[in-house]
Amino acid sequence: MDTSVSAREAARVDAVRRRRAELLESLNLVERTLATAASGREVVWGERVHDALIQLERDFREHISVTEGPDGLHQSILAGAVRLANAVQTLTSQHVDIAAAITQALTATQAPVSAEDVPVVREQVVGLLGRIVRHRQKGADLVYEAFATDIGGDG
């Protein structure tokens, strides 16, 4: 492999690392916001959860762009390891499903959120967070398998 390709792949992996760190921050923000007390302040709680989900949606869209874009990580992986095509396809299809789940959560948190909505929203969004965490794990495994590079769990 020539050095320009290696440098390009390293730049892609670095971009994914940065987006991964931003996505983790958004996940943590959503989780912290969900965990705050909602009793007696459901509308405010719902607005804060909604705002955190907007940040998550923005960061997830950026994650998709960095991985699926024309010069994205998935193209680089496929160029060097066609054997990983099924794993790339799985992650790509998860992008569609997760983006739809984020949209559903945003709809569920549109004001006003009532006391009856809180447990439903919490359950829905906790499930969403779990899906994203598993997706990130699979992505890290894919990058490691393709490039023998660990993109880490904290970034």
N, C-alpha and C. Protein backbone atom coordinates (compact mmCIF):
# COMPACT_ATOMS: atom_id res chain seq x y z
N MET A 1 0.85 -1.18 0.00
CA MET A 1 0.00 0.00 0.00
C MET A 1 0.90 1.24 0.00
N ASP A 2 0.60 2.21 -0.87
CA ASP A 2 1.45 3.40 -0.91
C ASP A 2 1.10 4.35 0.23
N THR A 3 2.04 5.27 0.55
CA THR A 3 1.86 6.14 1.70
C THR A 3 0.70 7.10 1.55
N SER A 4 0.36 7.53 0.32
CA SER A 4 -0.77 8.45 0.15
C SER A 4 -2.08 7.77 0.53
N VAL A 5 -2.21 6.50 0.19
CA VAL A 5 -3.42 5.77 0.58
C VAL A 5 -3.44 5.61 2.10
N SER A 6 -2.32 5.26 2.68
CA SER A 6 -2.26 5.11 4.13
C SER A 6 -2.58 6.42 4.84
N ALA A 7 -2.06 7.51 4.32
CA ALA A 7 -2.33 8.82 4.92
C ALA A 7 -3.81 9.17 4.79
N ARG A 8 -4.39 8.85 3.64
CA ARG A 8 -5.81 9.12 3.42
C ARG A 8 -6.67 8.29 4.39
N GLU A 9 -6.32 7.01 4.52
CA GLU A 9 -7.06 6.16 5.45
C GLU A 9 -6.91 6.65 6.88
N ALA A 10 -5.71 7.07 7.25
CA ALA A 10 -5.48 7.59 8.60
C ALA A 10 -6.33 8.83 8.84
N ALA A 11 -6.44 9.69 7.82
CA ALA A 11 -7.27 10.89 7.95
C ALA A 11 -8.73 10.52 8.12
N ARG A 12 -9.20 9.51 7.39
CA ARG A 12 -10.59 9.06 7.52
C ARG A 12 -10.85 8.52 8.93
N VAL A 13 -9.93 7.70 9.40
CA VAL A 13 -10.08 7.13 10.74
C VAL A 13 -10.07 8.24 11.79
N ASP A 14 -9.21 9.23 11.63
CA ASP A 14 -9.18 10.35 12.56
C ASP A 14 -10.50 11.12 12.54
N ALA A 15 -11.07 11.32 11.36
CA ALA A 15 -12.36 12.00 11.26
C ALA A 15 -13.44 11.19 11.97
N VAL A 16 -13.40 9.88 11.80
CA VAL A 16 -14.38 9.03 12.49
C VAL A 16 -14.19 9.12 14.00
N ARG A 17 -12.94 9.14 14.45
CA ARG A 17 -12.67 9.27 15.89
C ARG A 17 -13.28 10.56 16.45
N ARG A 18 -13.08 11.66 15.72
CA ARG A 18 -13.63 12.94 16.17
C ARG A 18 -15.15 12.89 16.23
N ARG A 19 -15.77 12.37 15.19
CA ARG A 19 -17.24 12.27 15.16
C ARG A 19 -17.73 11.33 16.24
N ARG A 20 -16.96 10.28 16.47
CA ARG A 20 -17.31 9.30 17.51
C ARG A 20 -17.32 9.97 18.88
N ALA A 21 -16.34 10.82 19.14
CA ALA A 21 -16.27 11.54 20.41
C ALA A 21 -17.46 12.48 20.55
N GLU A 22 -17.81 13.18 19.47
CA GLU A 22 -18.97 14.08 19.51
C GLU A 22 -20.26 13.31 19.74
N LEU A 23 -20.37 12.16 19.07
CA LEU A 23 -21.57 11.34 19.25
C LEU A 23 -21.66 10.83 20.69
N LEU A 24 -20.54 10.45 21.26
CA LEU A 24 -20.54 10.01 22.66
C LEU A 24 -20.98 11.13 23.59
N GLU A 25 -20.50 12.34 23.34
CA GLU A 25 -20.94 13.49 24.14
C GLU A 25 -22.45 13.67 24.05
N SER A 26 -22.99 13.54 22.85
CA SER A 26 -24.44 13.68 22.67
C SER A 26 -25.19 12.57 23.38
N LEU A 27 -24.69 11.34 23.27
CA LEU A 27 -25.32 10.22 23.97
C LEU A 27 -25.35 10.48 25.47
N ASN A 28 -24.22 10.94 26.00
CA ASN A 28 -24.14 11.23 27.43
C ASN A 28 -25.09 12.36 27.83
N LEU A 29 -25.19 13.39 27.00
CA LEU A 29 -26.11 14.48 27.28
C LEU A 29 -27.56 13.99 27.32
N VAL A 30 -27.93 13.17 26.36
CA VAL A 30 -29.30 12.64 26.34
C VAL A 30 -29.53 11.79 27.59
N GLU A 31 -28.59 10.95 27.93
CA GLU A 31 -28.75 10.09 29.11
C GLU A 31 -28.87 10.91 30.38
N ARG A 32 -28.02 11.91 30.54
CA ARG A 32 -28.08 12.77 31.74
C ARG A 32 -29.42 13.51 31.80
N THR A 33 -29.87 13.98 30.66
CA THR A 33 -31.13 14.72 30.62
C THR A 33 -32.31 13.81 30.95
N LEU A 34 -32.30 12.61 30.41
CA LEU A 34 -33.36 11.64 30.72
C LEU A 34 -33.42 11.34 32.21
N ALA A 35 -32.25 11.31 32.85
CA ALA A 35 -32.15 10.91 34.25
C ALA A 35 -32.58 12.01 35.21
N THR A 36 -32.77 13.23 34.73
CA THR A 36 -33.20 14.29 35.63
C THR A 36 -34.65 14.08 36.06
N ALA A 37 -34.98 14.66 37.18
CA ALA A 37 -36.34 14.53 37.70
C ALA A 37 -37.33 15.20 36.76
N ALA A 38 -38.44 14.53 36.52
CA ALA A 38 -39.47 15.07 35.64
C ALA A 38 -40.75 15.39 36.40
N SER A 39 -40.92 14.79 37.56
CA SER A 39 -42.16 14.94 38.31
C SER A 39 -42.45 16.41 38.63
N GLY A 40 -43.62 16.86 38.18
CA GLY A 40 -44.04 18.23 38.42
C GLY A 40 -43.43 19.24 37.45
N ARG A 41 -42.56 18.79 36.58
CA ARG A 41 -41.96 19.68 35.59
C ARG A 41 -41.78 18.97 34.25
N GLU A 42 -42.79 18.22 33.90
CA GLU A 42 -42.74 17.39 32.71
C GLU A 42 -42.50 18.18 31.42
N VAL A 43 -43.13 19.36 31.31
CA VAL A 43 -42.97 20.15 30.08
C VAL A 43 -41.52 20.60 29.92
N VAL A 44 -40.93 21.12 30.99
CA VAL A 44 -39.53 21.56 30.94
C VAL A 44 -38.62 20.37 30.68
N TRP A 45 -38.87 19.27 31.37
CA TRP A 45 -38.09 18.04 31.18
C TRP A 45 -38.16 17.61 29.71
N GLY A 46 -39.35 17.58 29.16
CA GLY A 46 -39.53 17.19 27.76
C GLY A 46 -38.79 18.10 26.80
N GLU A 47 -38.82 19.41 27.08
CA GLU A 47 -38.10 20.36 26.22
C GLU A 47 -36.60 20.11 26.27
N ARG A 48 -36.09 19.81 27.45
CA ARG A 48 -34.65 19.56 27.59
C ARG A 48 -34.24 18.26 26.90
N VAL A 49 -35.07 17.24 27.05
CA VAL A 49 -34.80 15.98 26.36
C VAL A 49 -34.84 16.21 24.85
N HIS A 50 -35.83 16.96 24.40
CA HIS A 50 -35.96 17.27 22.96
C HIS A 50 -34.71 17.99 22.46
N ASP A 51 -34.25 18.98 23.19
CA ASP A 51 -33.05 19.72 22.79
C ASP A 51 -31.82 18.81 22.73
N ALA A 52 -31.70 17.91 23.70
CA ALA A 52 -30.57 16.97 23.69
C ALA A 52 -30.67 16.02 22.50
N LEU A 53 -31.89 15.62 22.17
CA LEU A 53 -32.08 14.75 21.00
C LEU A 53 -31.76 15.47 19.69
N ILE A 54 -32.01 16.76 19.64
CA ILE A 54 -31.65 17.54 18.44
C ILE A 54 -30.13 17.49 18.25
N GLN A 55 -29.38 17.63 19.33
CA GLN A 55 -27.92 17.54 19.24
C GLN A 55 -27.49 16.14 18.81
N LEU A 56 -28.14 15.13 19.37
CA LEU A 56 -27.83 13.75 18.99
C LEU A 56 -28.12 13.53 17.50
N GLU A 57 -29.23 14.04 17.04
CA GLU A 57 -29.58 13.88 15.62
C GLU A 57 -28.52 14.54 14.73
N ARG A 58 -28.10 15.73 15.09
CA ARG A 58 -27.09 16.45 14.32
C ARG A 58 -25.77 15.65 14.27
N ASP A 59 -25.35 15.16 15.41
CA ASP A 59 -24.10 14.40 15.47
C ASP A 59 -24.22 13.05 14.75
N PHE A 60 -25.39 12.45 14.81
CA PHE A 60 -25.58 11.18 14.11
C PHE A 60 -25.57 11.39 12.60
N ARG A 61 -26.19 12.48 12.14
CA ARG A 61 -26.14 12.80 10.70
C ARG A 61 -24.70 13.01 10.24
N GLU A 62 -23.91 13.67 11.07
CA GLU A 62 -22.50 13.89 10.73
C GLU A 62 -21.75 12.57 10.70
N HIS A 63 -22.06 11.67 11.63
CA HIS A 63 -21.47 10.33 11.65
C HIS A 63 -21.77 9.61 10.34
N ILE A 64 -23.01 9.69 9.89
CA ILE A 64 -23.38 9.04 8.63
C ILE A 64 -22.59 9.64 7.47
N SER A 65 -22.46 10.93 7.46
CA SER A 65 -21.72 11.60 6.39
C SER A 65 -20.26 11.15 6.35
N VAL A 66 -19.63 11.04 7.49
CA VAL A 66 -18.22 10.66 7.56
C VAL A 66 -18.02 9.19 7.19
N THR A 67 -18.99 8.36 7.47
CA THR A 67 -18.82 6.94 7.16
C THR A 67 -19.34 6.58 5.77
N GLU A 68 -20.47 7.14 5.36
CA GLU A 68 -21.09 6.75 4.09
C GLU A 68 -20.80 7.69 2.93
N GLY A 69 -20.25 8.84 3.20
CA GLY A 69 -20.01 9.83 2.14
C GLY A 69 -19.13 9.28 1.03
N PRO A 70 -19.07 10.00 -0.08
CA PRO A 70 -18.31 9.53 -1.24
C PRO A 70 -16.84 9.28 -0.95
N ASP A 71 -16.28 10.00 -0.01
CA ASP A 71 -14.89 9.77 0.39
C ASP A 71 -14.85 9.26 1.83
N GLY A 72 -15.91 8.54 2.20
CA GLY A 72 -16.07 8.13 3.59
C GLY A 72 -15.33 6.86 3.95
N LEU A 73 -15.41 6.55 5.21
CA LEU A 73 -14.71 5.40 5.76
C LEU A 73 -15.17 4.09 5.13
N HIS A 74 -16.46 3.95 4.90
CA HIS A 74 -16.95 2.69 4.33
C HIS A 74 -16.35 2.43 2.96
N GLN A 75 -16.21 3.47 2.14
CA GLN A 75 -15.59 3.29 0.82
C GLN A 75 -14.14 2.84 0.97
N SER A 76 -13.46 3.40 1.92
CA SER A 76 -12.07 3.02 2.16
C SER A 76 -11.97 1.57 2.62
N ILE A 77 -12.86 1.17 3.48
CA ILE A 77 -12.87 -0.22 3.96
C ILE A 77 -13.13 -1.17 2.81
N LEU A 78 -14.13 -0.87 2.00
CA LEU A 78 -14.49 -1.75 0.89
C LEU A 78 -13.38 -1.82 -0.16
N ALA A 79 -12.67 -0.72 -0.35
CA ALA A 79 -11.57 -0.71 -1.31
C ALA A 79 -10.44 -1.64 -0.88
N GLY A 80 -10.26 -1.79 0.42
CA GLY A 80 -9.17 -2.61 0.91
C GLY A 80 -9.57 -3.99 1.40
N ALA A 81 -10.86 -4.20 1.62
CA ALA A 81 -11.30 -5.48 2.20
C ALA A 81 -12.75 -5.76 1.81
N VAL A 82 -12.93 -6.24 0.60
CA VAL A 82 -14.28 -6.55 0.11
C VAL A 82 -14.97 -7.56 1.02
N ARG A 83 -14.19 -8.40 1.68
CA ARG A 83 -14.76 -9.40 2.59
C ARG A 83 -15.60 -8.78 3.71
N LEU A 84 -15.42 -7.48 3.94
CA LEU A 84 -16.16 -6.79 5.00
C LEU A 84 -17.44 -6.13 4.49
N ALA A 85 -17.82 -6.42 3.26
CA ALA A 85 -18.99 -5.79 2.66
C ALA A 85 -20.27 -6.03 3.47
N ASN A 86 -20.45 -7.22 3.99
CA ASN A 86 -21.66 -7.51 4.79
C ASN A 86 -21.69 -6.67 6.06
N ALA A 87 -20.56 -6.52 6.71
CA ALA A 87 -20.50 -5.70 7.93
C ALA A 87 -20.78 -4.25 7.61
N VAL A 88 -20.24 -3.76 6.49
CA VAL A 88 -20.50 -2.38 6.07
C VAL A 88 -21.99 -2.21 5.78
N GLN A 89 -22.58 -3.17 5.08
CA GLN A 89 -24.01 -3.09 4.76
C GLN A 89 -24.87 -3.11 6.02
N THR A 90 -24.50 -3.91 6.99
CA THR A 90 -25.24 -3.96 8.25
C THR A 90 -25.21 -2.60 8.94
N LEU A 91 -24.03 -2.00 9.03
CA LEU A 91 -23.92 -0.70 9.68
C LEU A 91 -24.69 0.37 8.91
N THR A 92 -24.63 0.31 7.58
CA THR A 92 -25.35 1.28 6.76
C THR A 92 -26.85 1.16 6.96
N SER A 93 -27.36 -0.06 7.02
CA SER A 93 -28.80 -0.22 7.24
C SER A 93 -29.19 0.20 8.65
N GLN A 94 -28.29 0.04 9.61
CA GLN A 94 -28.57 0.52 10.96
C GLN A 94 -28.68 2.03 10.98
N HIS A 95 -27.93 2.71 10.14
CA HIS A 95 -28.02 4.17 10.07
C HIS A 95 -29.46 4.60 9.77
N VAL A 96 -30.08 3.93 8.83
CA VAL A 96 -31.46 4.26 8.45
C VAL A 96 -32.39 4.02 9.64
N ASP A 97 -32.26 2.88 10.27
CA ASP A 97 -33.13 2.52 11.40
C ASP A 97 -32.93 3.45 12.59
N ILE A 98 -31.69 3.76 12.90
CA ILE A 98 -31.41 4.63 14.05
C ILE A 98 -31.88 6.05 13.77
N ALA A 99 -31.65 6.54 12.55
CA ALA A 99 -32.13 7.89 12.20
C ALA A 99 -33.65 7.97 12.34
N ALA A 100 -34.36 6.92 11.93
CA ALA A 100 -35.82 6.90 12.07
C ALA A 100 -36.22 6.88 13.55
N ALA A 101 -35.48 6.15 14.36
CA ALA A 101 -35.78 6.09 15.80
C ALA A 101 -35.53 7.44 16.47
N ILE A 102 -34.51 8.15 16.03
CA ILE A 102 -34.25 9.49 16.57
C ILE A 102 -35.41 10.41 16.20
N THR A 103 -35.87 10.34 14.96
CA THR A 103 -37.02 11.15 14.53
C THR A 103 -38.25 10.83 15.36
N GLN A 104 -38.49 9.57 15.64
CA GLN A 104 -39.63 9.17 16.48
C GLN A 104 -39.49 9.74 17.89
N ALA A 105 -38.29 9.71 18.43
CA ALA A 105 -38.06 10.25 19.78
C ALA A 105 -38.26 11.76 19.79
N LEU A 106 -37.83 12.42 18.73
CA LEU A 106 -38.05 13.87 18.64
C LEU A 106 -39.54 14.18 18.59
N THR A 107 -40.28 13.39 17.87
CA THR A 107 -41.74 13.58 17.80
C THR A 107 -42.37 13.36 19.17
N ALA A 108 -41.91 12.33 19.86
CA ALA A 108 -42.47 12.00 21.18
C ALA A 108 -42.17 13.07 22.22
N THR A 109 -41.14 13.87 22.00
CA THR A 109 -40.76 14.88 22.99
C THR A 109 -41.17 16.29 22.58
N GLN A 110 -41.97 16.41 21.56
CA GLN A 110 -42.47 17.73 21.21
C GLN A 110 -43.41 18.20 22.30
N ALA A 111 -43.30 19.47 22.65
CA ALA A 111 -44.09 20.04 23.74
C ALA A 111 -45.57 20.00 23.40
N PRO A 112 -46.38 19.83 24.41
CA PRO A 112 -46.01 19.61 25.81
C PRO A 112 -45.92 18.12 26.14
N VAL A 113 -44.95 17.76 26.94
CA VAL A 113 -44.83 16.39 27.44
C VAL A 113 -45.60 16.32 28.75
N SER A 114 -46.44 15.31 28.87
CA SER A 114 -47.27 15.16 30.08
C SER A 114 -46.64 14.13 31.03
N ALA A 115 -47.21 14.04 32.22
CA ALA A 115 -46.73 13.07 33.21
C ALA A 115 -46.86 11.65 32.67
N GLU A 116 -47.90 11.39 31.89
CA GLU A 116 -48.10 10.06 31.31
C GLU A 116 -47.07 9.76 30.22
N ASP A 117 -46.57 10.81 29.58
CA ASP A 117 -45.59 10.64 28.50
C ASP A 117 -44.20 10.28 29.02
N VAL A 118 -43.84 10.75 30.20
CA VAL A 118 -42.47 10.62 30.70
C VAL A 118 -41.97 9.19 30.69
N PRO A 119 -42.68 8.22 31.30
CA PRO A 119 -42.12 6.85 31.30
C PRO A 119 -42.03 6.25 29.89
N VAL A 120 -42.96 6.61 29.03
CA VAL A 120 -42.93 6.10 27.65
C VAL A 120 -41.73 6.68 26.91
N VAL A 121 -41.52 7.99 27.06
CA VAL A 121 -40.38 8.64 26.42
C VAL A 121 -39.08 8.07 26.95
N ARG A 122 -38.98 7.91 28.26
CA ARG A 122 -37.75 7.36 28.83
C ARG A 122 -37.45 5.98 28.26
N GLU A 123 -38.44 5.13 28.22
CA GLU A 123 -38.25 3.77 27.69
C GLU A 123 -37.83 3.81 26.23
N GLN A 124 -38.50 4.63 25.45
CA GLN A 124 -38.19 4.76 24.03
C GLN A 124 -36.76 5.26 23.81
N VAL A 125 -36.38 6.30 24.53
CA VAL A 125 -35.07 6.91 24.31
C VAL A 125 -33.95 6.04 24.88
N VAL A 126 -34.18 5.36 25.99
CA VAL A 126 -33.18 4.43 26.51
C VAL A 126 -32.93 3.32 25.49
N GLY A 127 -33.99 2.82 24.87
CA GLY A 127 -33.82 1.82 23.81
C GLY A 127 -33.00 2.36 22.65
N LEU A 128 -33.27 3.60 22.27
CA LEU A 128 -32.52 4.26 21.20
C LEU A 128 -31.04 4.35 21.57
N LEU A 129 -30.76 4.80 22.79
CA LEU A 129 -29.36 4.92 23.22
C LEU A 129 -28.65 3.56 23.16
N GLY A 130 -29.34 2.51 23.57
CA GLY A 130 -28.77 1.17 23.50
C GLY A 130 -28.44 0.76 22.08
N ARG A 131 -29.33 1.09 21.15
CA ARG A 131 -29.08 0.77 19.74
C ARG A 131 -27.84 1.50 19.23
N ILE A 132 -27.70 2.76 19.62
CA ILE A 132 -26.55 3.53 19.15
C ILE A 132 -25.26 3.01 19.77
N VAL A 133 -25.30 2.65 21.03
CA VAL A 133 -24.11 2.10 21.69
C VAL A 133 -23.69 0.81 20.99
N ARG A 134 -24.63 -0.07 20.70
CA ARG A 134 -24.28 -1.32 20.00
C ARG A 134 -23.74 -1.03 18.60
N HIS A 135 -24.32 -0.04 17.93
CA HIS A 135 -23.85 0.36 16.60
C HIS A 135 -22.40 0.85 16.67
N ARG A 136 -22.11 1.66 17.66
CA ARG A 136 -20.74 2.16 17.83
C ARG A 136 -19.76 1.01 18.07
N GLN A 137 -20.18 0.02 18.85
CA GLN A 137 -19.32 -1.13 19.11
C GLN A 137 -19.03 -1.89 17.81
N LYS A 138 -20.07 -2.11 17.01
CA LYS A 138 -19.87 -2.82 15.74
C LYS A 138 -18.99 -2.01 14.80
N GLY A 139 -19.14 -0.70 14.81
CA GLY A 139 -18.30 0.15 13.99
C GLY A 139 -16.84 0.08 14.41
N ALA A 140 -16.60 0.08 15.71
CA ALA A 140 -15.23 -0.03 16.21
C ALA A 140 -14.62 -1.37 15.82
N ASP A 141 -15.41 -2.44 15.90
CA ASP A 141 -14.93 -3.76 15.49
C ASP A 141 -14.59 -3.78 14.00
N LEU A 142 -15.43 -3.15 13.19
CA LEU A 142 -15.20 -3.10 11.75
C LEU A 142 -13.90 -2.35 11.43
N VAL A 143 -13.71 -1.20 12.06
CA VAL A 143 -12.49 -0.42 11.81
C VAL A 143 -11.26 -1.22 12.22
N TYR A 144 -11.36 -1.91 13.34
CA TYR A 144 -10.22 -2.70 13.79
C TYR A 144 -9.93 -3.83 12.81
N GLU A 145 -10.98 -4.50 12.35
CA GLU A 145 -10.79 -5.59 11.42
C GLU A 145 -10.21 -5.10 10.09
N ALA A 146 -10.62 -3.92 9.65
CA ALA A 146 -10.16 -3.39 8.37
C ALA A 146 -8.75 -2.82 8.44
N PHE A 147 -8.43 -2.12 9.53
CA PHE A 147 -7.17 -1.38 9.60
C PHE A 147 -6.28 -1.75 10.77
N ALA A 148 -6.71 -2.72 11.60
CA ALA A 148 -5.98 -3.07 12.82
C ALA A 148 -5.71 -1.81 13.65
N THR A 149 -6.74 -0.95 13.72
CA THR A 149 -6.66 0.29 14.48
C THR A 149 -7.83 0.34 15.44
N ASP A 150 -7.56 0.57 16.70
CA ASP A 150 -8.61 0.68 17.70
C ASP A 150 -9.04 2.14 17.80
N ILE A 151 -10.33 2.42 17.51
CA ILE A 151 -10.80 3.79 17.60
C ILE A 151 -11.30 4.13 18.99
N GLY A 152 -11.28 3.16 19.88
CA GLY A 152 -11.53 3.41 21.29
C GLY A 152 -12.98 3.52 21.67
N GLY A 153 -13.23 3.31 22.93
CA GLY A 153 -14.58 3.39 23.48
C GLY A 153 -14.90 4.73 24.09
N ASP A 154 -13.90 5.56 24.29
CA ASP A 154 -14.13 6.84 24.94
C ASP A 154 -14.14 7.98 23.94
N GLY A 155 -13.91 7.68 22.72
CA GLY A 155 -13.87 8.76 21.73
C GLY A 155 -14.60 8.41 20.50
